[in-house]
Amino acid sequence: DFSSDAVGVILAANEIGGRHGLGMSDQIENRIIEAKSRGIYEAPGMALLHIAYERLLSAIHNEDTLAAYTAEGRRMGRLLYEGRWLDPQTLMMRESLTKWVASAVNGSVTLRLRRGDDYTIVNTEGDGFSYHPEKLSMERTDDEAFGPTDRIGQLTMRNLDIQDTRAKLDLYRQQGQLDGGQFDLT
């Protein structure tokens, strides 16, 4: 259990990911000075943690939240690359991503690693998932809440999304992020 040891998590992830050649990247990138450069990067631990974290994000949050997370993450990444760690816009993005996206992420992901970026996600478990295989399955057709023959799928999906949003609001309220159901704008 590495829950209180962030350095231990990175070291273990580096060892495991490195053993499998995960996280090697050869990139041509735009530098701050408007010139192109080539960089070869190796970050096996970050690649391993990224795969697991993204899997949990996709199981927990809806499509629109994930799109906002991706867009804000790219913007924040660029600001950090430029050394603007403490700019107000960076702080605002970091706070919103941490408060509304990261705070709901929990669970475990089991991966089967082979070589390089060749891996299989074997299992994903956790609380607060928006993914409910017992409610939604495109594989089974007996007694499904939603399946390949469902003609009112959009309405069913919206109802599932609304239920998941309510569950997340309850989680945020329990964490003290919502004060009596009101957003704190101060």
Protein backbone atom coordinates (compact mmCIF):
# COMPACT_ATOMS: atom_id res chain seq x y z
CA ASP A 1 0.00 0.00 0.00
CA PHE A 2 1.61 3.23 -1.21
CA SER A 3 -1.32 5.52 -0.36
CA SER A 4 0.82 7.81 1.82
CA ASP A 5 4.13 7.46 -0.02
CA ALA A 6 4.06 9.31 -3.37
CA VAL A 7 7.79 8.79 -3.94
CA GLY A 8 7.38 5.06 -3.30
CA VAL A 9 4.58 4.91 -5.87
CA ILE A 10 6.75 6.58 -8.53
CA LEU A 11 9.76 4.37 -7.76
CA ALA A 12 7.68 1.19 -7.93
CA ALA A 13 5.92 2.33 -11.12
CA ASN A 14 9.30 3.23 -12.69
CA GLU A 15 10.66 -0.21 -11.88
CA ILE A 16 7.62 -2.06 -13.23
CA GLY A 17 7.14 0.13 -16.31
CA GLY A 18 10.87 0.19 -17.06
CA ARG A 19 11.08 -3.59 -16.94
CA HIS A 20 8.57 -3.67 -19.81
CA GLY A 21 9.97 -0.76 -21.84
CA LEU A 22 6.91 1.39 -21.21
CA GLY A 23 7.05 5.16 -21.59
CA MET A 24 9.71 5.69 -24.26
CA SER A 25 8.95 8.71 -26.44
CA ASP A 26 10.80 10.29 -29.37
CA GLN A 27 9.26 13.70 -30.05
CA ILE A 28 9.77 16.70 -32.28
CA GLU A 29 8.40 19.61 -30.31
CA ASN A 30 7.84 23.35 -30.43
CA ARG A 31 10.13 25.18 -28.02
CA ILE A 32 9.20 28.43 -26.29
CA ILE A 33 11.59 30.29 -28.63
CA GLU A 34 9.50 29.20 -31.66
CA ALA A 35 12.09 26.68 -32.80
CA LYS A 36 11.66 22.96 -33.26
CA SER A 37 13.74 20.47 -31.35
CA ARG A 38 13.88 16.74 -30.90
CA GLY A 39 13.77 15.09 -27.54
CA ILE A 40 13.89 11.48 -26.44
CA TYR A 41 12.08 10.96 -23.16
CA GLU A 42 11.82 8.01 -20.84
CA ALA A 43 9.19 8.04 -18.09
CA PRO A 44 8.01 4.47 -17.49
CA GLY A 45 6.41 5.19 -14.12
CA MET A 46 4.46 8.18 -15.37
CA ALA A 47 3.29 6.23 -18.41
CA LEU A 48 2.10 3.35 -16.21
CA LEU A 49 0.29 5.66 -13.78
CA HIS A 50 -1.20 7.63 -16.69
CA ILE A 51 -2.73 4.49 -18.22
CA ALA A 52 -4.33 3.50 -14.91
CA TYR A 53 -5.49 7.04 -14.05
CA GLU A 54 -7.06 7.61 -17.48
CA ARG A 55 -8.88 4.28 -17.17
CA LEU A 56 -10.34 5.33 -13.82
CA LEU A 57 -11.28 8.76 -15.20
CA SER A 58 -13.16 7.15 -18.08
CA ALA A 59 -15.03 4.85 -15.68
CA ILE A 60 -16.00 7.69 -13.32
CA HIS A 61 -16.67 10.84 -15.36
CA ASN A 62 -18.99 11.56 -18.28
CA GLU A 63 -17.89 12.48 -21.79
CA ASP A 64 -18.27 16.25 -21.37
CA THR A 65 -16.27 16.28 -18.13
CA LEU A 66 -13.52 14.24 -19.80
CA ALA A 67 -13.43 16.65 -22.76
CA ALA A 68 -13.09 19.63 -20.40
CA TYR A 69 -10.42 17.77 -18.39
CA THR A 70 -8.43 17.06 -21.56
CA ALA A 71 -8.66 20.63 -22.86
CA GLU A 72 -7.81 22.22 -19.50
CA GLY A 73 -5.03 19.68 -18.92
CA ARG A 74 -3.40 20.57 -22.24
CA ARG A 75 -3.66 24.30 -21.50
CA MET A 76 -2.25 23.83 -18.01
CA GLY A 77 0.54 21.60 -19.34
CA ARG A 78 1.58 24.34 -21.73
CA LEU A 79 1.61 26.93 -18.95
CA LEU A 80 3.72 24.65 -16.76
CA TYR A 81 6.10 24.02 -19.67
CA GLU A 82 6.51 27.80 -19.95
CA GLY A 83 7.37 28.00 -16.25
CA ARG A 84 4.13 29.74 -15.31
CA TRP A 85 3.43 27.52 -12.28
CA LEU A 86 2.00 30.30 -10.12
CA ASP A 87 0.11 32.33 -12.72
CA PRO A 88 -3.53 32.89 -11.69
CA GLN A 89 -4.82 30.97 -14.72
CA THR A 90 -2.62 27.97 -13.84
CA LEU A 91 -3.79 28.05 -10.23
CA MET A 92 -7.44 28.29 -11.33
CA MET A 93 -7.10 25.33 -13.69
CA ARG A 94 -5.23 23.24 -11.14
CA GLU A 95 -7.81 23.96 -8.46
CA SER A 96 -10.77 23.15 -10.69
CA LEU A 97 -9.21 19.93 -12.04
CA THR A 98 -8.25 18.81 -8.55
CA LYS A 99 -11.56 19.75 -6.94
CA TRP A 100 -14.02 18.54 -9.55
CA VAL A 101 -12.21 15.78 -11.46
CA ALA A 102 -9.40 14.28 -9.38
CA SER A 103 -11.27 14.24 -6.05
CA ALA A 104 -13.73 11.64 -7.37
CA VAL A 105 -11.02 9.31 -8.73
CA ASN A 106 -10.48 6.11 -6.78
CA GLY A 107 -10.20 2.46 -7.62
CA SER A 108 -7.78 -0.08 -8.96
CA VAL A 109 -6.71 -1.06 -12.45
CA THR A 110 -5.05 -4.36 -13.28
CA LEU A 111 -2.82 -4.31 -16.36
CA ARG A 112 -0.99 -7.04 -18.24
CA LEU A 113 2.19 -5.45 -19.59
CA ARG A 114 4.12 -6.92 -22.47
CA ARG A 115 6.76 -4.82 -24.24
CA GLY A 116 6.66 -1.09 -24.91
CA ASP A 117 3.16 0.32 -25.24
CA ASP A 118 1.66 -3.16 -25.70
CA TYR A 119 -0.60 -3.81 -22.72
CA THR A 120 -4.06 -5.12 -21.84
CA ILE A 121 -6.38 -3.71 -19.21
CA VAL A 122 -7.50 -6.83 -17.35
CA ASN A 123 -9.75 -5.35 -14.67
CA THR A 124 -11.03 -2.01 -13.37
CA GLU A 125 -12.75 -1.70 -9.98
CA GLY A 126 -13.79 1.14 -7.72
CA ASP A 127 -16.53 3.18 -6.11
CA GLY A 128 -18.44 5.94 -7.83
CA PHE A 129 -18.12 4.58 -11.35
CA SER A 130 -20.46 5.91 -14.05
CA TYR A 131 -19.81 2.61 -15.82
CA HIS A 132 -22.35 0.05 -14.59
CA PRO A 133 -22.08 -3.25 -16.48
CA GLU A 134 -25.22 -4.55 -14.75
CA LYS A 135 -27.21 -1.58 -16.15
CA LEU A 136 -25.56 -1.25 -19.54
CA SER A 137 -24.23 -4.02 -21.71
CA MET A 138 -23.85 -4.40 -25.43
CA GLU A 139 -22.96 -8.06 -24.97
CA ARG A 140 -25.93 -9.60 -23.19
CA THR A 141 -29.52 -9.40 -24.34
CA ASP A 142 -31.42 -11.15 -21.52
CA ASP A 143 -32.87 -8.87 -18.86
CA GLU A 144 -30.72 -5.91 -19.83
CA ALA A 145 -31.38 -2.37 -18.68
CA PHE A 146 -29.88 -1.24 -21.98
CA GLY A 147 -28.69 -3.36 -24.84
CA PRO A 148 -28.38 -3.57 -28.59
CA THR A 149 -32.18 -3.71 -29.07
CA ASP A 150 -33.00 -0.71 -26.89
CA ARG A 151 -34.76 1.94 -29.03
CA ILE A 152 -34.77 4.69 -26.41
CA GLY A 153 -31.09 4.52 -25.64
CA GLN A 154 -30.44 8.25 -25.51
CA LEU A 155 -33.08 8.80 -22.82
CA THR A 156 -31.81 5.82 -20.85
CA MET A 157 -28.23 7.08 -21.10
CA ARG A 158 -29.20 10.61 -19.99
CA ASN A 159 -31.00 9.19 -16.95
CA LEU A 160 -27.90 7.15 -16.03
CA ASP A 161 -25.73 10.26 -16.45
CA ILE A 162 -28.06 12.36 -14.27
CA GLN A 163 -27.96 9.67 -11.53
CA ASP A 164 -24.15 9.60 -11.69
CA THR A 165 -23.98 13.41 -11.53
CA ARG A 166 -26.20 13.39 -8.44
CA ALA A 167 -23.94 10.76 -6.85
CA LYS A 168 -20.87 12.92 -7.55
CA LEU A 169 -22.58 15.99 -6.06
CA ASP A 170 -23.26 13.92 -2.92
CA LEU A 171 -19.58 12.90 -2.84
CA TYR A 172 -18.47 16.53 -3.20
CA ARG A 173 -20.89 17.53 -0.43
CA GLN A 174 -19.47 14.82 1.88
CA GLN A 175 -15.96 16.07 1.12
CA GLY A 176 -17.05 19.57 2.13
CA GLN A 177 -16.67 21.01 -1.37
CA LEU A 178 -20.33 22.02 -1.53
CA ASP A 179 -21.76 24.00 1.35
CA GLY A 180 -25.37 22.94 1.85
CA GLY A 181 -25.80 22.36 -1.87
CA GLN A 182 -24.54 25.83 -2.78
CA PHE A 183 -21.39 26.51 -4.75
CA ASP A 184 -18.89 28.67 -2.88
CA LEU A 185 -17.87 31.36 -5.34
CA THR A 186 -15.52 33.18 -2.95
